[in-house]
Amino acid sequence: MECSVATHQNAQRQQAEQCLSKVTWRERFYRWRQLSRERYALRHLSDDMLKDIGISRDDVQRESHRPFWDDRGWRR
């Protein structure tokens, strides 16, 4: 009996992990819009603000010119 309960719990855990790993198009679209807005805002920060958060103007240029779909680290 104990073995079948453990097997059932493992199956439930695997199903939950699979659901979490799937990204819907709506989530992806929302993330792309968010990235676009963040990069736009980053581009318009003053040099003093960038200095406060420890980012150089070169880093900002590099980041803000990346396409909106380029999101390293986002779940795929």
C-alpha atoms as a PDB file:
ATOM      1  CA  MET A   1       0.000   0.000   0.000  1.00  0.00           C
ATOM      2  CA  GLU A   2       2.781   2.394   0.928  1.00  0.00           C
ATOM      3  CA  CYS A   3       4.496   1.854  -2.423  1.00  0.00           C
ATOM      4  CA  SER A   4       1.373   2.746  -4.419  1.00  0.00           C
ATOM      5  CA  VAL A   5       0.889   5.975  -2.435  1.00  0.00           C
ATOM      6  CA  ALA A   6       4.485   7.017  -3.126  1.00  0.00           C
ATOM      7  CA  THR A   7       4.053   6.197  -6.816  1.00  0.00           C
ATOM      8  CA  HIS A   8       0.876   8.282  -6.954  1.00  0.00           C
ATOM      9  CA  GLN A   9       2.588  11.225  -5.221  1.00  0.00           C
ATOM     10  CA  ASN A  10       5.512  11.053  -7.652  1.00  0.00           C
ATOM     11  CA  ALA A  11       3.108  11.090 -10.605  1.00  0.00           C
ATOM     12  CA  GLN A  12       1.287  14.130  -9.182  1.00  0.00           C
ATOM     13  CA  ARG A  13       4.592  15.957  -8.632  1.00  0.00           C
ATOM     14  CA  GLN A  14       5.713  15.252 -12.204  1.00  0.00           C
ATOM     15  CA  GLN A  15       2.408  16.565 -13.581  1.00  0.00           C
ATOM     16  CA  ALA A  16       2.740  19.751 -11.508  1.00  0.00           C
ATOM     17  CA  GLU A  17       6.305  20.296 -12.724  1.00  0.00           C
ATOM     18  CA  GLN A  18       5.211  19.863 -16.344  1.00  0.00           C
ATOM     19  CA  CYS A  19       2.423  22.413 -15.910  1.00  0.00           C
ATOM     20  CA  LEU A  20       4.831  24.913 -14.407  1.00  0.00           C
ATOM     21  CA  SER A  21       7.346  24.471 -17.210  1.00  0.00           C
ATOM     22  CA  LYS A  22       4.817  25.325 -19.933  1.00  0.00           C
ATOM     23  CA  VAL A  23       4.597  28.976 -20.901  1.00  0.00           C
ATOM     24  CA  THR A  24       1.478  30.147 -22.678  1.00  0.00           C
ATOM     25  CA  TRP A  25       1.564  32.609 -25.538  1.00  0.00           C
ATOM     26  CA  ARG A  26      -0.269  35.115 -23.350  1.00  0.00           C
ATOM     27  CA  GLU A  27       2.489  34.915 -20.708  1.00  0.00           C
ATOM     28  CA  ARG A  28       5.170  35.192 -23.358  1.00  0.00           C
ATOM     29  CA  PHE A  29       3.470  38.211 -24.983  1.00  0.00           C
ATOM     30  CA  TYR A  30       3.093  39.892 -21.588  1.00  0.00           C
ATOM     31  CA  ARG A  31       6.777  39.278 -20.854  1.00  0.00           C
ATOM     32  CA  TRP A  32       7.820  40.710 -24.231  1.00  0.00           C
ATOM     33  CA  ARG A  33       5.767  43.865 -23.600  1.00  0.00           C
ATOM     34  CA  GLN A  34       7.301  44.161 -20.143  1.00  0.00           C
ATOM     35  CA  LEU A  35      10.830  43.808 -21.554  1.00  0.00           C
ATOM     36  CA  SER A  36      10.134  46.418 -24.191  1.00  0.00           C
ATOM     37  CA  ARG A  37       8.880  48.896 -21.578  1.00  0.00           C
ATOM     38  CA  GLU A  38      11.776  48.191 -19.213  1.00  0.00           C
ATOM     39  CA  ARG A  39      14.361  48.701 -21.943  1.00  0.00           C
ATOM     40  CA  TYR A  40      12.664  51.918 -23.024  1.00  0.00           C
ATOM     41  CA  ALA A  41      12.705  53.220 -19.438  1.00  0.00           C
ATOM     42  CA  LEU A  42      16.335  52.183 -18.991  1.00  0.00           C
ATOM     43  CA  ARG A  43      17.290  54.096 -22.122  1.00  0.00           C
ATOM     44  CA  HIS A  44      15.828  57.300 -20.664  1.00  0.00           C
ATOM     45  CA  LEU A  45      17.493  57.219 -17.236  1.00  0.00           C
ATOM     46  CA  SER A  46      19.951  59.984 -16.467  1.00  0.00           C
ATOM     47  CA  ASP A  47      23.652  59.275 -15.974  1.00  0.00           C
ATOM     48  CA  ASP A  48      23.281  59.988 -12.248  1.00  0.00           C
ATOM     49  CA  MET A  49      20.500  57.430 -11.932  1.00  0.00           C
ATOM     50  CA  LEU A  50      22.541  54.849 -13.821  1.00  0.00           C
ATOM     51  CA  LYS A  51      25.490  55.520 -11.537  1.00  0.00           C
ATOM     52  CA  ASP A  52      23.228  54.955  -8.504  1.00  0.00           C
ATOM     53  CA  ILE A  53      22.215  51.501  -9.713  1.00  0.00           C
ATOM     54  CA  GLY A  54      25.700  50.626 -10.974  1.00  0.00           C
ATOM     55  CA  ILE A  55      25.065  50.403 -14.711  1.00  0.00           C
ATOM     56  CA  SER A  56      27.192  52.110 -17.340  1.00  0.00           C
ATOM     57  CA  ARG A  57      25.812  53.900 -20.390  1.00  0.00           C
ATOM     58  CA  ASP A  58      27.459  51.232 -22.576  1.00  0.00           C
ATOM     59  CA  ASP A  59      25.545  48.515 -20.712  1.00  0.00           C
ATOM     60  CA  VAL A  60      22.327  50.451 -21.271  1.00  0.00           C
ATOM     61  CA  GLN A  61      22.999  50.807 -24.991  1.00  0.00           C
ATOM     62  CA  ARG A  62      23.731  47.108 -25.303  1.00  0.00           C
ATOM     63  CA  GLU A  63      20.626  46.099 -23.346  1.00  0.00           C
ATOM     64  CA  SER A  64      18.225  48.574 -24.937  1.00  0.00           C
ATOM     65  CA  HIS A  65      19.143  47.539 -28.477  1.00  0.00           C
ATOM     66  CA  ARG A  66      18.365  43.878 -27.866  1.00  0.00           C
ATOM     67  CA  PRO A  67      15.131  42.754 -29.541  1.00  0.00           C
ATOM     68  CA  PHE A  68      12.097  42.359 -27.303  1.00  0.00           C
ATOM     69  CA  TRP A  69      12.048  38.579 -27.743  1.00  0.00           C
ATOM     70  CA  ASP A  70      15.655  38.229 -26.531  1.00  0.00           C
ATOM     71  CA  ASP A  71      15.129  37.320 -22.890  1.00  0.00           C
ATOM     72  CA  ARG A  72      17.909  35.289 -21.398  1.00  0.00           C
ATOM     73  CA  GLY A  73      16.838  33.398 -18.330  1.00  0.00           C
ATOM     74  CA  TRP A  74      13.114  33.378 -19.051  1.00  0.00           C
ATOM     75  CA  ARG A  75      11.334  30.040 -18.858  1.00  0.00           C
ATOM     76  CA  ARG A  76      10.964  28.412 -22.234  1.00  0.00           C
END
